[in-house]
Amino acid sequence: AVVEGHSKFAYGISGRKHGSYRLEPNTNVTYNISIKKVVSSNNDAASSFESPEFLVARAQSKKMIGNDCYQNEWPDPGRSKALRLYGAASDGMIALLAKEEEESPSNDDDDNNNNNTTNTTTTQEARMIMLDALNNIAAVHLKANAFGLAKEAATMVLTHDPNNTKALYRAARAAMLDPAGTYEESDAALKAAEEVAPNDAQVKKLRNELTRRKKEYKQREKAMYSRMSKAMQTEKKAQGTTTTTESSSTPNLGAEEEEEGSKQDNDEATQNGNEAATAGPNDVVTPLVRKPRRRVEKAIPTKSIFERIQPYLIPLTTTIVLGTLSLIMFLDQIEKAQQQMMMNKEEEEL
């Protein structure tokens, strides 16, 4: 059958690419449809919609279409379509495996042995499709920089297959790139991957990248502490210089007080002598009561450290902030370029 499809029912304004071929946006599409298999609607038939064989074949088709969307329709609508198709394939296989486990026979006669052989083959295929679909979900989230969701998908794979190399690799990579993750988490997953596949090229490359990132982090941390230490030492030196300057500029109050007291004593002695000289024989000379000395203090204007460095604070802060932002943007561009290279390699593997 031949079906003519309007662009809005095909690929719309996004268009589509496939290798070197590209379908331009808003292009009408012609579909050639052929029948590959006839499936019975009778649930008792071996080729019915509910048979394990048909469910496995349908899940495999969904996974393959999801791979095509991931490779040729990224980012939109490829990301959402791939996640939906991978999710449907994995959910269908999880349900099928759970159903077969419940219905597994308990006796070991010949007929059941033959059925067990068929069921074992179907079970293995279903399990393989489930693991591949979940692994591909982790790959989609990694490419979209949704590192937390990528770790969840990889962890789900590991619950079914703890030695799955792809899941261990993607869990380690997601933990390394996740801002909320830790290098310890990534290192633990990477060690497990190295035990399973010690000669895997991607695992070795990720180990080198993790080692480099940890080294750079330690260097940045050391440089930060060094700058903090130098700033504290500079502040202490500034405080010591200010204290010394204030002490040397303080006038000798004791000398001024001594001079003022001596002047006051001389004035009092002169006044007492004059009174004694002018007094008559019957006059009583009242002894002079010495007045308390006045303490002369002068206010000394001083400047705090903050007042001294205040004119330099705003330019210095602005310079530090702009330098930090420039460094963050530079590192972010490098990291995005590395991620894109890794994603291109993962696309080839899918």
Protein backbone atom coordinates (compact mmCIF):
# COMPACT_ATOMS: atom_id res chain seq x y z
CA ALA A 1 0.00 0.00 0.00
CA VAL A 2 1.11 3.56 -0.67
CA VAL A 3 0.11 6.30 1.76
CA GLU A 4 0.54 10.01 1.06
CA GLY A 5 1.18 11.97 4.25
CA HIS A 6 0.98 15.72 4.73
CA SER A 7 4.01 17.32 6.38
CA LYS A 8 2.14 18.08 9.59
CA PHE A 9 1.40 14.35 9.94
CA ALA A 10 4.99 13.42 9.08
CA TYR A 11 8.00 15.37 10.42
CA GLY A 12 6.56 18.88 10.33
CA ILE A 13 8.78 21.90 10.76
CA SER A 14 11.66 19.90 12.24
CA GLY A 15 12.38 17.79 9.17
CA ARG A 16 14.57 14.74 9.52
CA LYS A 17 18.07 13.54 8.77
CA HIS A 18 19.37 10.04 8.20
CA GLY A 19 23.10 9.81 7.66
CA SER A 20 23.96 12.06 4.71
CA TYR A 21 20.31 12.32 3.66
CA ARG A 22 18.12 15.08 5.04
CA LEU A 23 14.38 15.59 4.70
CA GLU A 24 13.67 19.31 4.61
CA PRO A 25 11.09 20.83 7.00
CA ASN A 26 7.43 21.01 5.92
CA THR A 27 7.87 18.22 3.36
CA ASN A 28 5.07 15.83 2.41
CA VAL A 29 6.03 12.15 2.78
CA THR A 30 5.01 9.05 0.84
CA TYR A 31 4.98 5.77 2.80
CA ASN A 32 5.27 2.32 1.18
CA ILE A 33 3.58 -0.16 3.54
CA SER A 34 4.08 -3.91 3.27
CA ILE A 35 2.73 -6.78 5.38
CA LYS A 36 5.40 -8.80 7.16
CA LYS A 37 3.33 -10.94 9.51
CA VAL A 38 -0.30 -11.75 10.26
CA VAL A 39 -1.18 -11.97 13.92
CA SER A 40 -4.27 -13.76 15.19
CA SER A 41 -6.71 -12.00 17.46
CA ASN A 42 -7.34 -15.31 19.25
CA ASN A 43 -5.46 -15.20 22.57
CA ASP A 44 -5.08 -18.98 22.52
CA ALA A 45 -3.09 -18.96 19.28
CA ALA A 46 0.70 -19.01 19.40
CA SER A 47 0.88 -15.85 17.27
CA SER A 48 -1.75 -13.86 19.16
CA PHE A 49 -1.26 -10.33 20.45
CA GLU A 50 -0.72 -11.69 23.95
CA SER A 51 1.77 -14.42 23.08
CA PRO A 52 5.31 -13.98 24.48
CA GLU A 53 6.79 -14.22 20.99
CA PHE A 54 4.66 -11.35 19.68
CA LEU A 55 5.32 -9.21 22.77
CA VAL A 56 9.08 -9.72 22.36
CA ALA A 57 8.93 -8.88 18.64
CA ARG A 58 6.91 -5.72 19.34
CA ALA A 59 9.32 -4.61 22.08
CA GLN A 60 12.25 -5.19 19.73
CA SER A 61 10.58 -3.02 17.09
CA LYS A 62 10.00 -0.23 19.61
CA LYS A 63 13.63 -0.36 20.64
CA MET A 64 14.86 -0.16 17.04
CA ILE A 65 12.57 2.78 16.25
CA GLY A 66 13.80 4.45 19.44
CA ASN A 67 17.40 4.02 18.24
CA ASP A 68 16.48 5.66 14.96
CA CYS A 69 14.87 8.63 16.73
CA TYR A 70 17.88 9.00 19.02
CA GLN A 71 20.33 9.05 16.11
CA ASN A 72 18.40 11.04 13.51
CA GLU A 73 15.85 13.27 15.27
CA TRP A 74 17.87 14.75 18.14
CA PRO A 75 17.15 16.87 20.10
CA ASP A 76 13.45 17.42 19.35
CA PRO A 77 11.34 15.43 18.91
CA GLY A 78 13.95 12.67 19.02
CA ARG A 79 14.59 12.85 22.76
CA SER A 80 10.97 12.53 23.89
CA LYS A 81 10.12 9.91 21.25
CA ALA A 82 13.16 7.77 22.09
CA LEU A 83 12.40 7.91 25.82
CA ARG A 84 8.77 6.94 25.19
CA LEU A 85 9.70 4.01 22.93
CA TYR A 86 12.48 2.73 25.18
CA GLY A 87 10.20 3.02 28.19
CA ALA A 88 7.42 1.05 26.48
CA ALA A 89 9.85 -1.68 25.42
CA SER A 90 11.41 -2.05 28.88
CA ASP A 91 8.06 -1.94 30.72
CA GLY A 92 6.60 -4.58 28.42
CA MET A 93 9.54 -6.92 28.94
CA ILE A 94 9.57 -6.41 32.72
CA ALA A 95 5.87 -7.34 32.82
CA LEU A 96 6.46 -10.38 30.58
CA LEU A 97 9.35 -11.65 32.72
CA ALA A 98 7.30 -11.24 35.89
CA LYS A 99 4.37 -13.13 34.33
CA GLU A 100 6.55 -15.99 33.13
CA GLU A 101 8.15 -16.29 36.54
CA GLU A 102 4.72 -16.63 38.16
CA GLU A 103 3.53 -19.20 35.61
CA SER A 104 6.71 -21.31 35.57
CA PRO A 105 5.79 -25.05 35.98
CA SER A 106 6.83 -26.96 39.06
CA ASN A 107 6.98 -30.49 37.57
CA ASP A 108 9.68 -31.82 35.22
CA ASP A 109 7.90 -34.07 32.69
CA ASP A 110 8.88 -34.19 29.00
CA ASP A 111 6.20 -31.80 27.73
CA ASN A 112 7.11 -29.24 30.33
CA ASN A 113 10.78 -29.64 29.46
CA ASN A 114 10.01 -28.77 25.82
CA ASN A 115 7.96 -25.76 26.93
CA ASN A 116 10.75 -24.74 29.27
CA THR A 117 13.21 -24.69 26.36
CA THR A 118 10.94 -22.38 24.36
CA ASN A 119 10.22 -20.20 27.37
CA THR A 120 13.91 -19.99 28.20
CA THR A 121 14.69 -18.67 24.73
CA THR A 122 11.89 -16.13 24.94
CA THR A 123 12.93 -15.15 28.44
CA GLN A 124 16.50 -14.55 27.35
CA GLU A 125 15.36 -12.39 24.45
CA ALA A 126 12.99 -10.44 26.71
CA ARG A 127 15.73 -9.92 29.28
CA MET A 128 18.18 -8.71 26.63
CA ILE A 129 15.66 -6.22 25.21
CA MET A 130 14.83 -4.95 28.70
CA LEU A 131 18.49 -4.32 29.59
CA ASP A 132 19.21 -2.68 26.23
CA ALA A 133 16.18 -0.38 26.50
CA LEU A 134 17.06 0.70 30.05
CA ASN A 135 20.68 1.27 29.05
CA ASN A 136 19.50 3.38 26.12
CA ILE A 137 17.33 5.46 28.46
CA ALA A 138 20.47 6.21 30.49
CA ALA A 139 22.27 7.18 27.26
CA VAL A 140 19.46 9.58 26.28
CA HIS A 141 19.55 11.29 29.68
CA LEU A 142 23.34 11.53 29.54
CA LYS A 143 23.22 13.21 26.14
CA ALA A 144 20.58 15.64 27.46
CA ASN A 145 22.75 16.41 30.54
CA ALA A 146 20.04 15.01 32.85
CA PHE A 147 22.64 13.26 34.98
CA GLY A 148 20.38 12.39 37.92
CA LEU A 149 17.89 10.59 35.64
CA ALA A 150 20.78 8.86 33.87
CA LYS A 151 22.02 7.47 37.20
CA GLU A 152 18.51 6.21 38.03
CA ALA A 153 18.20 4.39 34.69
CA ALA A 154 21.68 2.85 35.03
CA THR A 155 20.91 1.79 38.59
CA MET A 156 17.75 0.03 37.37
CA VAL A 157 19.85 -1.96 34.91
CA LEU A 158 22.24 -2.94 37.70
CA THR A 159 19.37 -4.25 39.82
CA HIS A 160 18.75 -6.84 37.08
CA ASP A 161 22.38 -7.31 35.98
CA PRO A 162 24.97 -6.11 38.54
CA ASN A 163 27.86 -6.80 36.12
CA ASN A 164 26.48 -4.88 33.15
CA THR A 165 29.47 -2.96 31.78
CA LYS A 166 27.46 -0.29 29.93
CA ALA A 167 25.35 0.48 32.99
CA LEU A 168 28.40 0.71 35.24
CA TYR A 169 30.16 2.97 32.76
CA ARG A 170 27.16 5.28 32.34
CA ALA A 171 26.50 5.39 36.08
CA ALA A 172 30.13 6.37 36.69
CA ARG A 173 30.04 9.02 33.97
CA ALA A 174 26.74 10.47 35.20
CA ALA A 175 28.07 10.66 38.77
CA MET A 176 31.25 12.38 37.56
CA LEU A 177 29.37 15.01 35.52
CA ASP A 178 26.49 15.54 37.95
CA PRO A 179 26.98 18.75 40.01
CA ALA A 180 25.19 17.01 42.88
CA GLY A 181 27.35 13.88 42.57
CA THR A 182 30.70 13.06 44.11
CA TYR A 183 33.96 11.70 42.78
CA GLU A 184 33.72 8.86 45.33
CA GLU A 185 30.42 7.72 43.81
CA SER A 186 31.88 7.80 40.31
CA ASP A 187 35.04 6.01 41.45
CA ALA A 188 33.03 3.18 43.05
CA ALA A 189 31.03 2.53 39.85
CA LEU A 190 34.16 2.78 37.73
CA LYS A 191 36.02 0.26 39.90
CA ALA A 192 33.16 -2.20 39.45
CA ALA A 193 33.30 -1.67 35.67
CA GLU A 194 37.07 -2.25 35.67
CA GLU A 195 36.59 -5.54 37.50
CA VAL A 196 34.07 -6.72 34.90
CA ALA A 197 35.85 -5.35 31.79
CA PRO A 198 39.42 -4.34 32.64
CA ASN A 199 40.40 -3.97 28.97
CA ASP A 200 37.41 -1.91 27.84
CA ALA A 201 38.63 1.20 25.99
CA GLN A 202 35.80 3.46 27.19
CA VAL A 203 36.31 2.40 30.81
CA LYS A 204 40.02 3.18 30.57
CA LYS A 205 39.32 6.56 29.00
CA LEU A 206 36.82 7.40 31.71
CA ARG A 207 39.36 6.43 34.39
CA ASN A 208 41.88 8.85 32.87
CA GLU A 209 39.28 11.61 32.72
CA LEU A 210 38.24 11.02 36.34
CA THR A 211 41.88 11.10 37.48
CA ARG A 212 42.42 14.37 35.60
CA ARG A 213 39.31 15.96 37.09
CA LYS A 214 40.26 14.94 40.63
CA LYS A 215 43.76 16.37 40.14
CA GLU A 216 42.38 19.66 38.79
CA TYR A 217 39.94 19.86 41.68
CA LYS A 218 42.75 19.42 44.22
CA GLN A 219 44.83 22.08 42.47
CA ARG A 220 41.93 24.55 42.49
CA GLU A 221 41.28 23.77 46.16
CA LYS A 222 44.96 24.28 47.02
CA ALA A 223 45.08 27.57 45.11
CA MET A 224 41.96 28.79 46.88
CA TYR A 225 43.38 28.02 50.32
CA SER A 226 46.66 29.68 49.31
CA ARG A 227 44.83 32.87 48.30
CA MET A 228 42.87 32.84 51.55
CA SER A 229 46.07 32.40 53.57
CA LYS A 230 47.81 35.26 51.76
CA ALA A 231 44.80 37.52 52.29
CA MET A 232 44.79 36.77 56.02
CA GLN A 233 48.54 37.45 56.29
CA THR A 234 48.16 40.74 54.42
CA GLU A 235 45.36 41.77 56.75
CA LYS A 236 47.44 40.93 59.84
CA LYS A 237 50.38 42.96 58.49
CA ALA A 238 48.05 45.88 57.81
CA GLN A 239 46.73 45.72 61.37
CA GLY A 240 50.29 45.67 62.79
CA THR A 241 51.35 48.67 60.68
CA THR A 242 48.31 50.65 61.78
CA THR A 243 48.97 49.96 65.47
CA THR A 244 52.64 51.00 65.18
CA THR A 245 51.76 54.21 63.35
CA GLU A 246 49.14 55.18 65.91
CA SER A 247 51.56 54.52 68.81
CA SER A 248 54.34 56.65 67.28
CA SER A 249 51.97 59.54 66.53
CA THR A 250 50.51 59.65 70.08
CA PRO A 251 51.81 62.77 72.02
CA ASN A 252 53.59 62.41 75.39
CA LEU A 253 50.74 63.24 77.72
CA GLY A 254 52.89 62.65 80.82
CA ALA A 255 55.33 65.39 79.84
CA GLU A 256 52.51 67.84 79.19
CA GLU A 257 50.91 67.02 82.53
CA GLU A 258 54.27 67.43 84.33
CA GLU A 259 54.84 70.80 82.71
CA GLU A 260 51.32 71.95 83.55
CA GLY A 261 51.72 70.76 87.18
CA SER A 262 55.03 72.54 87.61
CA LYS A 263 53.52 75.74 86.30
CA GLN A 264 50.62 75.39 88.73
CA ASP A 265 53.00 74.80 91.69
CA ASN A 266 54.99 77.91 90.82
CA ASP A 267 51.85 80.02 90.64
CA GLU A 268 50.70 78.72 94.02
CA ALA A 269 54.11 79.33 95.66
CA THR A 270 54.22 82.91 94.35
CA GLN A 271 50.73 83.57 95.61
CA ASN A 272 51.59 82.17 99.07
CA GLY A 273 54.75 84.29 99.35
CA ASN A 274 52.93 87.45 98.43
CA GLU A 275 50.27 86.85 101.07
CA ALA A 276 52.89 86.18 103.78
CA ALA A 277 54.81 89.34 102.87
CA THR A 278 51.79 91.66 103.10
CA ALA A 279 50.33 90.17 106.31
CA GLY A 280 50.52 92.12 109.59
CA PRO A 281 51.71 90.84 113.00
CA ASN A 282 48.18 90.06 114.11
CA ASP A 283 47.05 88.68 110.77
CA VAL A 284 46.54 84.98 110.35
CA VAL A 285 47.88 83.59 107.20
CA THR A 286 45.61 80.85 105.82
CA PRO A 287 47.61 77.99 104.44
CA LEU A 288 47.19 77.54 100.71
CA VAL A 289 45.08 74.58 99.72
CA ARG A 290 46.55 73.06 96.60
CA LYS A 291 44.03 72.52 93.82
CA PRO A 292 43.97 69.20 92.05
CA ARG A 293 45.88 69.09 88.81
CA ARG A 294 43.96 69.06 85.63
CA ARG A 295 44.61 66.12 83.28
CA VAL A 296 45.06 67.31 79.75
CA GLU A 297 43.93 64.81 77.15
CA LYS A 298 43.69 65.33 73.43
CA ALA A 299 41.48 63.34 71.11
CA ILE A 300 43.59 61.49 68.56
CA PRO A 301 41.87 60.89 65.25
CA THR A 302 42.46 57.30 64.02
CA LYS A 303 41.23 55.33 61.01
CA SER A 304 40.10 51.72 61.15
CA ILE A 305 41.37 49.11 58.71
CA PHE A 306 38.02 49.06 56.94
CA GLU A 307 38.16 52.83 56.39
CA ARG A 308 41.66 52.49 54.97
CA ILE A 309 40.82 49.72 52.47
CA GLN A 310 37.25 50.79 51.67
CA PRO A 311 38.19 52.68 48.45
CA TYR A 312 39.76 49.50 47.07
CA LEU A 313 37.03 47.02 48.00
CA ILE A 314 34.60 47.60 45.11
CA PRO A 315 37.20 47.45 42.27
CA LEU A 316 38.84 44.39 43.84
CA THR A 317 35.53 42.56 44.31
CA THR A 318 34.45 43.35 40.76
CA THR A 319 37.73 42.02 39.36
CA ILE A 320 37.47 38.77 41.36
CA VAL A 321 33.83 38.16 40.32
CA LEU A 322 34.50 38.80 36.62
CA GLY A 323 37.58 36.58 36.67
CA THR A 324 35.65 33.76 38.38
CA LEU A 325 32.78 33.98 35.88
CA SER A 326 35.19 33.92 32.94
CA LEU A 327 36.93 30.84 34.34
CA ILE A 328 33.61 29.03 34.93
CA MET A 329 32.42 29.78 31.38
CA PHE A 330 35.74 28.58 29.94
CA LEU A 331 35.65 25.31 31.90
CA ASP A 332 31.98 24.79 31.00
CA GLN A 333 32.75 25.12 27.28
CA ILE A 334 35.57 22.58 27.56
CA GLU A 335 33.33 20.15 29.44
CA LYS A 336 30.51 20.48 26.89
CA ALA A 337 32.95 19.78 24.06
CA GLN A 338 34.21 16.65 25.85
CA GLN A 339 30.65 15.50 26.52
CA GLN A 340 29.71 15.95 22.86
CA MET A 341 32.68 13.84 21.78
CA MET A 342 31.69 11.07 24.20
CA MET A 343 28.05 11.21 23.06
CA ASN A 344 29.07 10.88 19.41
CA LYS A 345 30.99 7.71 20.26
CA GLU A 346 28.03 6.32 22.23
CA GLU A 347 25.75 6.99 19.26
CA GLU A 348 28.00 4.82 17.12
CA GLU A 349 27.70 2.00 19.68
CA LEU A 350 23.92 2.13 19.71
